[in-house]
PDB file of N, CA and C in Angstrom:
ATOM      1  N   MET A   1      -6.133 -24.026  20.403  1.00  0.00           N
ATOM      2  CA  MET A   1      -6.419 -22.673  20.772  1.00  0.00           C
ATOM      3  C   MET A   1      -5.387 -21.745  20.131  1.00  0.00           C
ATOM      4  N   SER A   2      -5.855 -20.685  19.535  1.00  0.00           N
ATOM      5  CA  SER A   2      -4.980 -19.745  18.850  1.00  0.00           C
ATOM      6  C   SER A   2      -4.609 -18.576  19.751  1.00  0.00           C
ATOM      7  N   ARG A   3      -3.372 -18.135  19.633  1.00  0.00           N
ATOM      8  CA  ARG A   3      -2.934 -16.950  20.375  1.00  0.00           C
ATOM      9  C   ARG A   3      -3.176 -15.670  19.578  1.00  0.00           C
ATOM     10  N   ASN A   4      -3.633 -15.805  18.345  1.00  0.00           N
ATOM     11  CA  ASN A   4      -3.916 -14.639  17.516  1.00  0.00           C
ATOM     12  C   ASN A   4      -5.260 -14.054  17.932  1.00  0.00           C
ATOM     13  N   HIS A   5      -5.262 -12.804  18.335  1.00  0.00           N
ATOM     14  CA  HIS A   5      -6.489 -12.152  18.778  1.00  0.00           C
ATOM     15  C   HIS A   5      -7.151 -11.371  17.652  1.00  0.00           C
ATOM     16  N   TRP A   6      -6.582 -11.459  16.417  1.00  0.00           N
ATOM     17  CA  TRP A   6      -7.159 -10.858  15.215  1.00  0.00           C
ATOM     18  C   TRP A   6      -7.321  -9.341  15.333  1.00  0.00           C
ATOM     19  N   ARG A   7      -6.434  -8.700  16.090  1.00  0.00           N
ATOM     20  CA  ARG A   7      -6.484  -7.238  16.258  1.00  0.00           C
ATOM     21  C   ARG A   7      -5.211  -6.615  15.719  1.00  0.00           C
ATOM     22  N   SER A   8      -5.353  -5.441  15.136  1.00  0.00           N
ATOM     23  CA  SER A   8      -4.199  -4.651  14.724  1.00  0.00           C
ATOM     24  C   SER A   8      -4.127  -3.426  15.629  1.00  0.00           C
ATOM     25  N   ILE A   9      -3.055  -3.349  16.400  1.00  0.00           N
ATOM     26  CA  ILE A   9      -2.847  -2.231  17.324  1.00  0.00           C
ATOM     27  C   ILE A   9      -1.419  -1.738  17.131  1.00  0.00           C
ATOM     28  N   ASP A  10      -1.266  -0.439  16.973  1.00  0.00           N
ATOM     29  CA  ASP A  10       0.055   0.153  16.763  1.00  0.00           C
ATOM     30  C   ASP A  10       0.470   0.900  18.026  1.00  0.00           C
ATOM     31  N   TRP A  11       1.455   0.351  18.714  1.00  0.00           N
ATOM     32  CA  TRP A  11       1.945   0.963  19.953  1.00  0.00           C
ATOM     33  C   TRP A  11       3.167   1.843  19.702  1.00  0.00           C
ATOM     34  N   SER A  12       3.533   2.097  18.441  1.00  0.00           N
ATOM     35  CA  SER A  12       4.774   2.807  18.138  1.00  0.00           C
ATOM     36  C   SER A  12       4.764   4.273  18.551  1.00  0.00           C
ATOM     37  N   ALA A  13       3.624   4.898  18.591  1.00  0.00           N
ATOM     38  CA  ALA A  13       3.548   6.329  18.932  1.00  0.00           C
ATOM     39  C   ALA A  13       2.706   6.524  20.178  1.00  0.00           C
ATOM     40  N   THR A  14       3.027   5.778  21.195  1.00  0.00           N
ATOM     41  CA  THR A  14       2.195   5.809  22.398  1.00  0.00           C
ATOM     42  C   THR A  14       2.343   7.110  23.176  1.00  0.00           C
ATOM     43  N   THR A  15       1.252   7.498  23.759  1.00  0.00           N
ATOM     44  CA  THR A  15       1.221   8.605  24.703  1.00  0.00           C
ATOM     45  C   THR A  15       0.722   7.998  26.004  1.00  0.00           C
ATOM     46  N   GLY A  16       1.626   7.728  26.882  1.00  0.00           N
ATOM     47  CA  GLY A  16       1.232   7.032  28.099  1.00  0.00           C
ATOM     48  C   GLY A  16       0.913   5.591  27.779  1.00  0.00           C
ATOM     49  N   SER A  17      -0.297   5.169  28.079  1.00  0.00           N
ATOM     50  CA  SER A  17      -0.686   3.780  27.846  1.00  0.00           C
ATOM     51  C   SER A  17      -1.678   3.648  26.698  1.00  0.00           C
ATOM     52  N   LEU A  18      -1.724   4.636  25.801  1.00  0.00           N
ATOM     53  CA  LEU A  18      -2.688   4.610  24.694  1.00  0.00           C
ATOM     54  C   LEU A  18      -2.014   4.263  23.370  1.00  0.00           C
ATOM     55  N   PRO A  19      -2.667   3.462  22.535  1.00  0.00           N
ATOM     56  CA  PRO A  19      -2.098   3.161  21.220  1.00  0.00           C
ATOM     57  C   PRO A  19      -2.265   4.342  20.266  1.00  0.00           C
ATOM     58  N   LYS A  20      -1.539   4.277  19.164  1.00  0.00           N
ATOM     59  CA  LYS A  20      -1.611   5.302  18.123  1.00  0.00           C
ATOM     60  C   LYS A  20      -3.004   5.317  17.503  1.00  0.00           C
ATOM     61  N   VAL A  21      -3.497   6.510  17.180  1.00  0.00           N
ATOM     62  CA  VAL A  21      -4.752   6.630  16.424  1.00  0.00           C
ATOM     63  C   VAL A  21      -4.408   6.344  14.966  1.00  0.00           C
ATOM     64  N   LEU A  22      -5.094   5.383  14.368  1.00  0.00           N
ATOM     65  CA  LEU A  22      -4.804   4.981  13.001  1.00  0.00           C
ATOM     66  C   LEU A  22      -5.327   6.014  12.006  1.00  0.00           C
ATOM     67  N   ALA A  23      -4.577   6.168  10.907  1.00  0.00           N
ATOM     68  CA  ALA A  23      -4.933   7.124   9.860  1.00  0.00           C
ATOM     69  C   ALA A  23      -4.750   6.457   8.500  1.00  0.00           C
ATOM     70  N   MET A  24      -4.996   7.204   7.438  1.00  0.00           N
ATOM     71  CA  MET A  24      -4.931   6.668   6.081  1.00  0.00           C
ATOM     72  C   MET A  24      -3.561   6.049   5.773  1.00  0.00           C
ATOM     73  N   ALA A  25      -2.511   6.577   6.347  1.00  0.00           N
ATOM     74  CA  ALA A  25      -1.165   6.025   6.116  1.00  0.00           C
ATOM     75  C   ALA A  25      -1.039   4.590   6.617  1.00  0.00           C
ATOM     76  N   ASP A  26      -1.931   4.162   7.491  1.00  0.00           N
ATOM     77  CA  ASP A  26      -1.898   2.799   8.028  1.00  0.00           C
ATOM     78  C   ASP A  26      -2.651   1.795   7.155  1.00  0.00           C
ATOM     79  N   LEU A  27      -3.341   2.268   6.136  1.00  0.00           N
ATOM     80  CA  LEU A  27      -4.163   1.380   5.302  1.00  0.00           C
ATOM     81  C   LEU A  27      -3.381   0.234   4.667  1.00  0.00           C
ATOM     82  N   PRO A  28      -2.223   0.477   4.041  1.00  0.00           N
ATOM     83  CA  PRO A  28      -1.498  -0.666   3.448  1.00  0.00           C
ATOM     84  C   PRO A  28      -1.166  -1.758   4.459  1.00  0.00           C
ATOM     85  N   ARG A  29      -0.759  -1.363   5.651  1.00  0.00           N
ATOM     86  CA  ARG A  29      -0.436  -2.351   6.693  1.00  0.00           C
ATOM     87  C   ARG A  29      -1.674  -3.130   7.112  1.00  0.00           C
ATOM     88  N   LEU A  30      -2.800  -2.443   7.227  1.00  0.00           N
ATOM     89  CA  LEU A  30      -4.039  -3.114   7.613  1.00  0.00           C
ATOM     90  C   LEU A  30      -4.509  -4.082   6.533  1.00  0.00           C
ATOM     91  N   ARG A  31      -4.346  -3.685   5.275  1.00  0.00           N
ATOM     92  CA  ARG A  31      -4.794  -4.548   4.170  1.00  0.00           C
ATOM     93  C   ARG A  31      -4.045  -5.870   4.114  1.00  0.00           C
ATOM     94  N   VAL A  32      -2.777  -5.879   4.457  1.00  0.00           N
ATOM     95  CA  VAL A  32      -2.005  -7.123   4.376  1.00  0.00           C
ATOM     96  C   VAL A  32      -1.995  -7.915   5.684  1.00  0.00           C
ATOM     97  N   SER A  33      -2.551  -7.357   6.727  1.00  0.00           N
ATOM     98  CA  SER A  33      -2.570  -8.060   8.009  1.00  0.00           C
ATOM     99  C   SER A  33      -3.677  -9.112   8.025  1.00  0.00           C
ATOM    100  N   SER A  34      -3.591 -10.007   8.973  1.00  0.00           N
ATOM    101  CA  SER A  34      -4.649 -11.009   9.158  1.00  0.00           C
ATOM    102  C   SER A  34      -5.676 -10.552  10.189  1.00  0.00           C
ATOM    103  N   ALA A  35      -5.549  -9.301  10.618  1.00  0.00           N
ATOM    104  CA  ALA A  35      -6.426  -8.761  11.666  1.00  0.00           C
ATOM    105  C   ALA A  35      -7.851  -8.562  11.162  1.00  0.00           C
ATOM    106  N   HIS A  36      -8.791  -8.830  12.027  1.00  0.00           N
ATOM    107  CA  HIS A  36     -10.202  -8.583  11.751  1.00  0.00           C
ATOM    108  C   HIS A  36     -10.673  -7.286  12.388  1.00  0.00           C
ATOM    109  N   PHE A  37      -9.891  -6.785  13.336  1.00  0.00           N
ATOM    110  CA  PHE A  37     -10.249  -5.583  14.088  1.00  0.00           C
ATOM    111  C   PHE A  37      -9.054  -4.640  14.115  1.00  0.00           C
ATOM    112  N   ALA A  38      -9.323  -3.340  14.168  1.00  0.00           N
ATOM    113  CA  ALA A  38      -8.252  -2.348  14.264  1.00  0.00           C
ATOM    114  C   ALA A  38      -8.541  -1.419  15.435  1.00  0.00           C
ATOM    115  N   ARG A  39      -7.503  -1.116  16.174  1.00  0.00           N
ATOM    116  CA  ARG A  39      -7.613  -0.203  17.286  1.00  0.00           C
ATOM    117  C   ARG A  39      -6.421   0.733  17.205  1.00  0.00           C
ATOM    118  N   LYS A  40      -6.607   1.887  17.185  1.00  0.00           N
ATOM    119  CA  LYS A  40      -7.619   2.771  17.693  1.00  0.00           C
ATOM    120  C   LYS A  40      -7.963   3.744  16.577  1.00  0.00           C
ATOM    121  N   VAL A  41      -9.226   4.034  16.389  1.00  0.00           N
ATOM    122  CA  VAL A  41      -9.654   4.993  15.371  1.00  0.00           C
ATOM    123  C   VAL A  41     -10.407   6.134  16.043  1.00  0.00           C
ATOM    124  N   ASN A  42     -10.333   7.288  15.416  1.00  0.00           N
ATOM    125  CA  ASN A  42     -11.013   8.483  15.891  1.00  0.00           C
ATOM    126  C   ASN A  42     -11.671   9.095  14.664  1.00  0.00           C
ATOM    127  N   PRO A  43     -12.986   9.283  14.651  1.00  0.00           N
ATOM    128  CA  PRO A  43     -13.668   9.804  13.462  1.00  0.00           C
ATOM    129  C   PRO A  43     -13.055  11.093  12.914  1.00  0.00           C
ATOM    130  N   ALA A  44     -12.513  11.936  13.759  1.00  0.00           N
ATOM    131  CA  ALA A  44     -11.927  13.194  13.294  1.00  0.00           C
ATOM    132  C   ALA A  44     -10.599  12.974  12.562  1.00  0.00           C
ATOM    133  N   VAL A  45      -9.861  11.943  12.944  1.00  0.00           N
ATOM    134  CA  VAL A  45      -8.545  11.663  12.373  1.00  0.00           C
ATOM    135  C   VAL A  45      -8.614  10.545  11.335  1.00  0.00           C
ATOM    136  N   SER A  46      -9.487   9.583  11.558  1.00  0.00           N
ATOM    137  CA  SER A  46      -9.496   8.334  10.792  1.00  0.00           C
ATOM    138  C   SER A  46     -10.610   8.236   9.759  1.00  0.00           C
ATOM    139  N   ALA A  47     -11.303   9.311   9.456  1.00  0.00           N
ATOM    140  CA  ALA A  47     -12.469   9.250   8.564  1.00  0.00           C
ATOM    141  C   ALA A  47     -12.109   8.662   7.197  1.00  0.00           C
ATOM    142  N   ASP A  48     -11.016   9.121   6.585  1.00  0.00           N
ATOM    143  CA  ASP A  48     -10.612   8.591   5.273  1.00  0.00           C
ATOM    144  C   ASP A  48     -10.270   7.104   5.357  1.00  0.00           C
ATOM    145  N   LEU A  49      -9.595   6.725   6.413  1.00  0.00           N
ATOM    146  CA  LEU A  49      -9.253   5.321   6.616  1.00  0.00           C
ATOM    147  C   LEU A  49     -10.509   4.475   6.755  1.00  0.00           C
ATOM    148  N   LEU A  50     -11.453   4.917   7.546  1.00  0.00           N
ATOM    149  CA  LEU A  50     -12.693   4.171   7.740  1.00  0.00           C
ATOM    150  C   LEU A  50     -13.480   4.053   6.438  1.00  0.00           C
ATOM    151  N   ASP A  51     -13.513   5.112   5.639  1.00  0.00           N
ATOM    152  CA  ASP A  51     -14.190   5.065   4.329  1.00  0.00           C
ATOM    153  C   ASP A  51     -13.506   4.054   3.418  1.00  0.00           C
ATOM    154  N   ALA A  52     -12.189   4.036   3.403  1.00  0.00           N
ATOM    155  CA  ALA A  52     -11.444   3.094   2.546  1.00  0.00           C
ATOM    156  C   ALA A  52     -11.674   1.654   3.003  1.00  0.00           C
ATOM    157  N   LEU A  53     -11.686   1.422   4.298  1.00  0.00           N
ATOM    158  CA  LEU A  53     -11.951   0.076   4.806  1.00  0.00           C
ATOM    159  C   LEU A  53     -13.382  -0.367   4.484  1.00  0.00           C
ATOM    160  N   ASP A  54     -14.327   0.560   4.605  1.00  0.00           N
ATOM    161  CA  ASP A  54     -15.713   0.246   4.213  1.00  0.00           C
ATOM    162  C   ASP A  54     -15.773  -0.148   2.741  1.00  0.00           C
ATOM    163  N   ALA A  55     -15.087   0.588   1.894  1.00  0.00           N
ATOM    164  CA  ALA A  55     -15.084   0.293   0.457  1.00  0.00           C
ATOM    165  C   ALA A  55     -14.479  -1.080   0.174  1.00  0.00           C
ATOM    166  N   ASP A  56     -13.449  -1.461   0.930  1.00  0.00           N
ATOM    167  CA  ASP A  56     -12.837  -2.788   0.767  1.00  0.00           C
ATOM    168  C   ASP A  56     -13.798  -3.901   1.166  1.00  0.00           C
ATOM    169  N   ILE A  57     -14.585  -3.652   2.199  1.00  0.00           N
ATOM    170  CA  ILE A  57     -15.442  -4.684   2.761  1.00  0.00           C
ATOM    171  C   ILE A  57     -16.791  -4.766   2.049  1.00  0.00           C
ATOM    172  N   LEU A  58     -17.360  -3.622   1.770  1.00  0.00           N
ATOM    173  CA  LEU A  58     -18.722  -3.596   1.227  1.00  0.00           C
ATOM    174  C   LEU A  58     -18.744  -3.715  -0.236  1.00  0.00           C
TER     175      LEU A  58
END
């Protein structure tokens, strides 16, 4: 059984109990991670990041 949950979550800029909203600056870290999922994205903030991830995958 693996303890890796395959998620990338950045708690460095927390507001209360919420993780950081990921943006384009997080792309290099996401590309080298072994994560299959990323949390937390917001279409208003993360649109460029989501487009870049789509381009990597598709």
